[in-house]
Every structure is written in C-alpha cells, then in structure tokens.
N, C-alpha and C. Protein backbone atom coordinates (compact mmCIF):
# COMPACT_ATOMS: atom_id res chain seq x y z
N MET A 1 -44.17 -63.48 -28.89
CA MET A 1 -44.57 -62.35 -29.11
C MET A 1 -45.87 -62.22 -29.76
N ASN A 2 -46.68 -61.58 -29.79
CA ASN A 2 -47.98 -61.42 -30.29
C ASN A 2 -47.91 -60.80 -31.67
N ASP A 3 -48.72 -61.46 -32.74
CA ASP A 3 -48.38 -61.14 -33.98
C ASP A 3 -49.48 -60.35 -34.43
N HIS A 4 -50.63 -60.14 -33.34
CA HIS A 4 -51.29 -59.28 -33.89
C HIS A 4 -51.41 -57.81 -32.68
N ALA A 5 -52.17 -56.68 -32.99
CA ALA A 5 -52.42 -55.40 -32.37
C ALA A 5 -53.28 -55.72 -31.31
N GLY A 6 -52.56 -55.54 -30.20
CA GLY A 6 -53.43 -55.53 -28.66
C GLY A 6 -54.33 -54.40 -28.64
N VAL A 7 -53.98 -53.08 -29.13
CA VAL A 7 -54.51 -51.69 -28.65
C VAL A 7 -54.65 -50.95 -29.99
N LEU A 8 -55.69 -50.23 -29.95
CA LEU A 8 -55.70 -49.59 -31.23
C LEU A 8 -56.38 -48.29 -30.53
N ARG A 9 -55.49 -47.22 -31.28
CA ARG A 9 -55.96 -45.80 -31.01
C ARG A 9 -56.61 -44.94 -32.36
N ILE A 10 -57.76 -44.47 -31.48
CA ILE A 10 -58.68 -43.75 -32.82
C ILE A 10 -58.70 -42.47 -32.53
N ALA A 11 -57.98 -41.85 -33.47
CA ALA A 11 -58.36 -40.06 -32.69
C ALA A 11 -58.99 -39.27 -34.09
N ARG A 12 -59.88 -38.91 -33.71
CA ARG A 12 -60.94 -37.87 -34.68
C ARG A 12 -60.71 -36.82 -34.30
N HIS A 13 -60.27 -36.10 -35.57
CA HIS A 13 -59.81 -34.48 -35.54
C HIS A 13 -61.16 -33.89 -36.60
N GLN A 14 -61.50 -32.63 -36.29
CA GLN A 14 -62.15 -32.31 -36.83
C GLN A 14 -61.70 -30.82 -37.36
N PRO A 15 -61.55 -31.03 -38.85
CA PRO A 15 -60.86 -29.74 -39.05
C PRO A 15 -61.51 -28.37 -39.24
N ALA A 16 -60.76 -27.34 -39.09
CA ALA A 16 -61.41 -25.82 -39.14
C ALA A 16 -61.52 -26.16 -40.80
N ASP A 17 -62.66 -25.02 -40.91
CA ASP A 17 -63.50 -24.93 -42.41
C ASP A 17 -62.11 -24.26 -43.37
N GLY A 18 -61.94 -24.98 -44.38
CA GLY A 18 -61.10 -24.51 -45.53
C GLY A 18 -59.76 -25.58 -45.13
N ARG A 19 -59.58 -26.37 -44.27
CA ARG A 19 -58.55 -26.64 -44.02
C ARG A 19 -58.07 -28.30 -43.90
N ARG A 20 -59.41 -28.92 -44.35
CA ARG A 20 -59.16 -30.36 -44.51
C ARG A 20 -58.54 -31.34 -45.18
N ASP A 21 -58.11 -30.30 -46.21
CA ASP A 21 -56.42 -31.10 -46.82
C ASP A 21 -55.82 -30.98 -46.42
N GLU A 22 -55.05 -29.87 -45.56
CA GLU A 22 -53.85 -29.53 -44.22
C GLU A 22 -53.92 -30.52 -43.29
N VAL A 23 -54.91 -30.93 -43.45
CA VAL A 23 -55.10 -31.64 -42.05
C VAL A 23 -55.04 -33.12 -42.50
N ALA A 24 -55.36 -33.46 -43.59
CA ALA A 24 -55.57 -34.53 -44.15
C ALA A 24 -53.85 -35.14 -44.30
N GLY A 25 -53.29 -34.17 -45.02
CA GLY A 25 -51.57 -34.20 -45.42
C GLY A 25 -50.63 -34.51 -43.81
N LEU A 26 -51.41 -33.57 -42.94
CA LEU A 26 -50.46 -33.54 -41.75
C LEU A 26 -50.49 -35.14 -41.28
N LEU A 27 -52.00 -35.86 -41.07
CA LEU A 27 -52.32 -36.86 -40.41
C LEU A 27 -51.37 -38.25 -41.35
N ARG A 28 -51.30 -37.90 -42.63
CA ARG A 28 -50.93 -38.70 -43.36
C ARG A 28 -49.02 -38.95 -42.98
N ALA A 29 -49.11 -37.87 -43.04
CA ALA A 29 -47.65 -37.66 -42.38
C ALA A 29 -46.76 -38.74 -41.04
N VAL A 30 -47.88 -38.22 -40.64
CA VAL A 30 -47.83 -38.92 -38.87
C VAL A 30 -47.92 -40.18 -38.71
N ALA A 31 -49.21 -40.96 -39.70
CA ALA A 31 -49.12 -42.04 -40.00
C ALA A 31 -47.88 -42.97 -40.57
N GLU A 32 -47.63 -42.13 -41.66
CA GLU A 32 -46.36 -42.41 -42.11
C GLU A 32 -45.17 -42.91 -41.33
N SER A 33 -44.77 -41.81 -40.03
CA SER A 33 -43.85 -41.87 -38.99
C SER A 33 -44.09 -42.89 -38.03
N MET A 34 -45.67 -43.48 -38.03
CA MET A 34 -46.01 -44.19 -36.63
C MET A 34 -45.77 -45.70 -37.72
N ARG A 35 -45.93 -45.73 -38.53
CA ARG A 35 -45.51 -47.14 -39.31
C ARG A 35 -44.48 -47.78 -38.91
N ASP A 36 -43.14 -46.93 -38.83
CA ASP A 36 -41.86 -47.19 -38.77
C ASP A 36 -41.25 -47.50 -37.05
N ALA A 37 -42.70 -47.03 -36.45
CA ALA A 37 -42.22 -47.46 -34.69
C ALA A 37 -42.37 -48.27 -34.54
N PRO A 38 -41.18 -48.87 -33.26
CA PRO A 38 -41.20 -49.81 -32.84
C PRO A 38 -42.73 -50.34 -32.21
N GLY A 39 -43.63 -51.73 -32.53
CA GLY A 39 -44.92 -52.21 -31.93
C GLY A 39 -45.70 -51.62 -32.56
N CYS A 40 -45.71 -50.78 -33.72
CA CYS A 40 -46.65 -50.60 -34.49
C CYS A 40 -47.00 -51.51 -35.68
N PHE A 41 -48.40 -51.93 -35.96
CA PHE A 41 -48.87 -52.68 -36.83
C PHE A 41 -49.19 -52.15 -37.83
N GLY A 42 -49.56 -50.70 -38.06
CA GLY A 42 -50.12 -49.86 -38.98
C GLY A 42 -50.98 -48.71 -38.25
N ALA A 43 -50.47 -47.83 -39.45
CA ALA A 43 -51.17 -46.92 -39.25
C ALA A 43 -52.39 -46.22 -40.83
N GLN A 44 -53.29 -45.49 -40.15
CA GLN A 44 -54.05 -45.31 -41.76
C GLN A 44 -54.92 -43.89 -41.55
N VAL A 45 -55.18 -43.26 -42.05
CA VAL A 45 -56.19 -42.09 -41.92
C VAL A 45 -57.08 -42.48 -43.15
N THR A 46 -58.29 -41.91 -41.73
CA THR A 46 -59.89 -42.81 -42.64
C THR A 46 -60.79 -41.62 -42.48
N SER A 47 -61.88 -41.93 -43.19
CA SER A 47 -63.14 -40.73 -42.92
C SER A 47 -64.61 -41.24 -42.83
N SER A 48 -65.34 -40.64 -42.28
CA SER A 48 -66.34 -41.34 -41.37
C SER A 48 -67.45 -41.01 -42.48
N ASP A 49 -68.25 -42.00 -42.45
CA ASP A 49 -69.62 -41.76 -42.91
C ASP A 49 -70.76 -41.08 -41.86
N ARG A 50 -70.47 -40.75 -40.59
CA ARG A 50 -71.61 -40.06 -39.79
C ARG A 50 -71.12 -38.50 -39.91
N LYS A 51 -69.65 -38.14 -40.15
CA LYS A 51 -68.85 -36.73 -39.77
C LYS A 51 -68.06 -36.67 -41.13
N GLU A 52 -68.82 -36.38 -42.32
CA GLU A 52 -67.83 -36.62 -43.14
C GLU A 52 -66.59 -35.53 -43.32
N GLU A 53 -66.67 -34.51 -42.88
CA GLU A 53 -65.49 -33.73 -42.93
C GLU A 53 -64.66 -34.13 -41.89
N GLN A 54 -64.87 -34.81 -40.94
CA GLN A 54 -64.21 -35.38 -40.06
C GLN A 54 -63.09 -36.58 -40.39
N LEU A 55 -61.64 -36.10 -39.89
CA LEU A 55 -60.45 -37.40 -40.43
C LEU A 55 -60.37 -38.04 -39.26
N ILE A 56 -60.07 -39.42 -39.54
CA ILE A 56 -59.38 -40.21 -38.32
C ILE A 56 -58.28 -40.74 -38.44
N LEU A 57 -57.50 -40.54 -37.52
CA LEU A 57 -56.41 -41.20 -37.64
C LEU A 57 -56.11 -42.49 -36.70
N VAL A 58 -56.33 -43.94 -37.48
CA VAL A 58 -56.00 -45.09 -36.91
C VAL A 58 -54.78 -45.82 -36.33
N SER A 59 -54.23 -46.29 -35.48
CA SER A 59 -53.38 -46.90 -35.41
C SER A 59 -53.43 -47.70 -34.40
N ARG A 60 -52.72 -48.97 -35.23
CA ARG A 60 -52.55 -50.51 -34.26
C ARG A 60 -51.59 -50.72 -33.41
N TRP A 61 -51.03 -51.14 -32.32
CA TRP A 61 -49.70 -51.18 -32.04
C TRP A 61 -50.23 -52.34 -30.81
N GLN A 62 -48.96 -53.28 -30.80
CA GLN A 62 -48.46 -54.21 -30.25
C GLN A 62 -49.06 -54.21 -28.32
N SER A 63 -49.04 -52.78 -27.83
CA SER A 63 -48.89 -52.66 -26.55
C SER A 63 -49.43 -50.90 -25.90
N LEU A 64 -49.71 -51.23 -24.62
CA LEU A 64 -49.73 -49.57 -24.69
C LEU A 64 -48.37 -49.08 -24.19
N GLU A 65 -47.29 -49.83 -23.72
CA GLU A 65 -46.09 -48.74 -23.36
C GLU A 65 -45.50 -48.48 -25.07
N ALA A 66 -46.09 -49.65 -26.35
CA ALA A 66 -44.96 -48.84 -27.90
C ALA A 66 -45.50 -47.91 -27.71
N MET A 67 -46.82 -48.13 -27.88
CA MET A 67 -48.02 -46.76 -28.48
C MET A 67 -47.69 -45.27 -27.42
N ASP A 68 -46.96 -45.39 -26.09
CA ASP A 68 -46.71 -44.57 -25.35
C ASP A 68 -45.46 -43.89 -25.76
N LYS A 69 -44.58 -44.89 -25.80
CA LYS A 69 -43.12 -44.68 -26.45
C LYS A 69 -43.12 -43.77 -27.59
N TYR A 70 -44.06 -44.43 -28.55
CA TYR A 70 -43.92 -43.15 -29.77
C TYR A 70 -44.44 -41.96 -29.30
N ASN A 71 -45.46 -42.03 -28.78
CA ASN A 71 -46.21 -40.73 -28.41
C ASN A 71 -45.41 -39.71 -27.56
N ALA A 72 -44.37 -40.22 -26.74
CA ALA A 72 -43.58 -39.66 -25.80
C ALA A 72 -42.77 -38.74 -26.70
N GLN A 73 -42.06 -39.17 -27.84
CA GLN A 73 -41.56 -38.68 -28.69
C GLN A 73 -41.73 -37.12 -28.78
N PRO A 74 -40.55 -36.01 -29.11
CA PRO A 74 -40.71 -34.90 -29.33
C PRO A 74 -41.66 -34.75 -30.99
N GLU A 75 -41.07 -35.33 -31.49
CA GLU A 75 -41.69 -35.22 -32.80
C GLU A 75 -42.73 -35.17 -32.97
N PHE A 76 -43.78 -36.11 -31.86
CA PHE A 76 -45.22 -36.25 -32.12
C PHE A 76 -46.01 -34.97 -31.54
N ALA A 77 -44.98 -34.75 -30.38
CA ALA A 77 -45.60 -33.42 -29.82
C ALA A 77 -45.04 -32.25 -30.69
N GLY A 78 -44.08 -32.24 -31.41
CA GLY A 78 -44.66 -30.86 -32.58
C GLY A 78 -45.65 -31.36 -33.28
N PHE A 79 -45.76 -32.46 -33.82
CA PHE A 79 -46.93 -32.55 -34.84
C PHE A 79 -48.10 -32.05 -34.01
N GLN A 80 -48.74 -32.46 -32.89
CA GLN A 80 -49.64 -32.36 -32.26
C GLN A 80 -49.92 -30.67 -32.17
N ARG A 81 -48.97 -29.90 -31.47
CA ARG A 81 -48.86 -28.58 -31.69
C ARG A 81 -49.20 -28.17 -33.10
N GLU A 82 -48.23 -28.50 -34.02
CA GLU A 82 -48.86 -28.03 -35.65
C GLU A 82 -50.21 -28.19 -36.08
N ILE A 83 -50.90 -29.20 -35.65
CA ILE A 83 -52.19 -29.59 -35.89
C ILE A 83 -53.14 -28.81 -35.35
N MET A 84 -52.90 -28.38 -34.70
CA MET A 84 -54.07 -27.67 -33.27
C MET A 84 -54.66 -26.78 -33.99
N SER A 85 -53.74 -25.86 -34.68
CA SER A 85 -54.15 -24.45 -35.31
C SER A 85 -55.39 -24.77 -36.55
N SER A 86 -55.02 -26.07 -37.23
CA SER A 86 -56.23 -26.14 -38.02
C SER A 86 -57.11 -27.06 -37.55
N LEU A 87 -57.71 -26.80 -36.75
CA LEU A 87 -58.72 -28.21 -36.18
C LEU A 87 -59.54 -27.09 -35.34
N THR A 88 -60.80 -27.17 -35.32
CA THR A 88 -61.70 -26.68 -34.49
C THR A 88 -61.72 -27.11 -32.53
N SER A 89 -60.98 -28.17 -32.48
CA SER A 89 -61.15 -28.59 -31.25
C SER A 89 -59.89 -29.59 -31.11
N ALA A 90 -59.54 -29.68 -29.79
CA ALA A 90 -58.76 -30.95 -29.80
C ALA A 90 -59.44 -32.30 -30.11
N PRO A 91 -58.52 -33.13 -31.13
CA PRO A 91 -58.80 -34.28 -31.71
C PRO A 91 -59.77 -35.31 -30.58
N ASP A 92 -60.34 -36.17 -30.51
CA ASP A 92 -60.97 -36.82 -29.84
C ASP A 92 -60.29 -38.07 -29.48
N VAL A 93 -59.82 -38.49 -28.70
CA VAL A 93 -58.63 -39.80 -28.64
C VAL A 93 -59.49 -40.88 -28.03
N GLU A 94 -59.67 -42.40 -28.32
CA GLU A 94 -60.36 -43.48 -28.17
C GLU A 94 -58.86 -44.27 -27.81
N ILE A 95 -58.90 -45.06 -27.04
CA ILE A 95 -57.98 -46.11 -26.83
C ILE A 95 -58.65 -47.42 -26.74
N LEU A 96 -58.31 -48.49 -27.70
CA LEU A 96 -59.27 -49.84 -27.57
C LEU A 96 -58.10 -50.85 -26.88
N THR A 97 -58.63 -51.71 -26.33
CA THR A 97 -57.36 -52.79 -25.72
C THR A 97 -57.93 -53.93 -25.84
N THR A 98 -57.44 -55.09 -25.99
CA THR A 98 -58.14 -56.42 -26.45
C THR A 98 -58.80 -57.16 -25.11
N ALA A 99 -59.75 -57.72 -25.10
CA ALA A 99 -60.91 -57.78 -23.97
C ALA A 99 -59.97 -59.12 -23.54
C-alpha cells in the first residue's frame, strides 16, 4: 500500500460579501470529516496570496476511488448544498494525480 497521497483535490471557494468567516467554518468542519475518511491522508483550509478573500480546501487522498467514495456520501452532498448560499459561484475544483 502506498504511504503517500496519489491524489490532491483543490477546491477554491469565493465567499459572498461578509460571509468569509461562515465559509471558513463550514470548510473546517468538512476538512475534519475528511481526515477521518478511509484513504484520506489529510485535509486543510488555506488562503491564497493571489486572491485574499478566497478560501481553498486542500485534501490528499490515496486514490481517486477513495476520494470519490467520500464525495458520494450524503453528508458531503449536504455540505455542498449548505455552502452554496454563502458563495458567489460554485467552487473551482481541480484534481491533481501523481504523474
């Protein structure tokens, strides 16, 4: 079994005006949930020096299958519905895999 992440999921979130703290709290909660998921090597909420208001959820996964299994859970779908009202647009999600 690999002891390193083969998949990185980078999800950029643009909070609506005055909603940054709310979005950060929601993202921290989902990051904590991800950390307990099978195949997840870690998750954290970050900010960028390029877009100061943007919040980024970075998660590291053993495989695409492990990530997809987590993303298919009803709790994750509920999180996605809940956070959308606090964002200006849908998150920009990028998946990186080991070359």
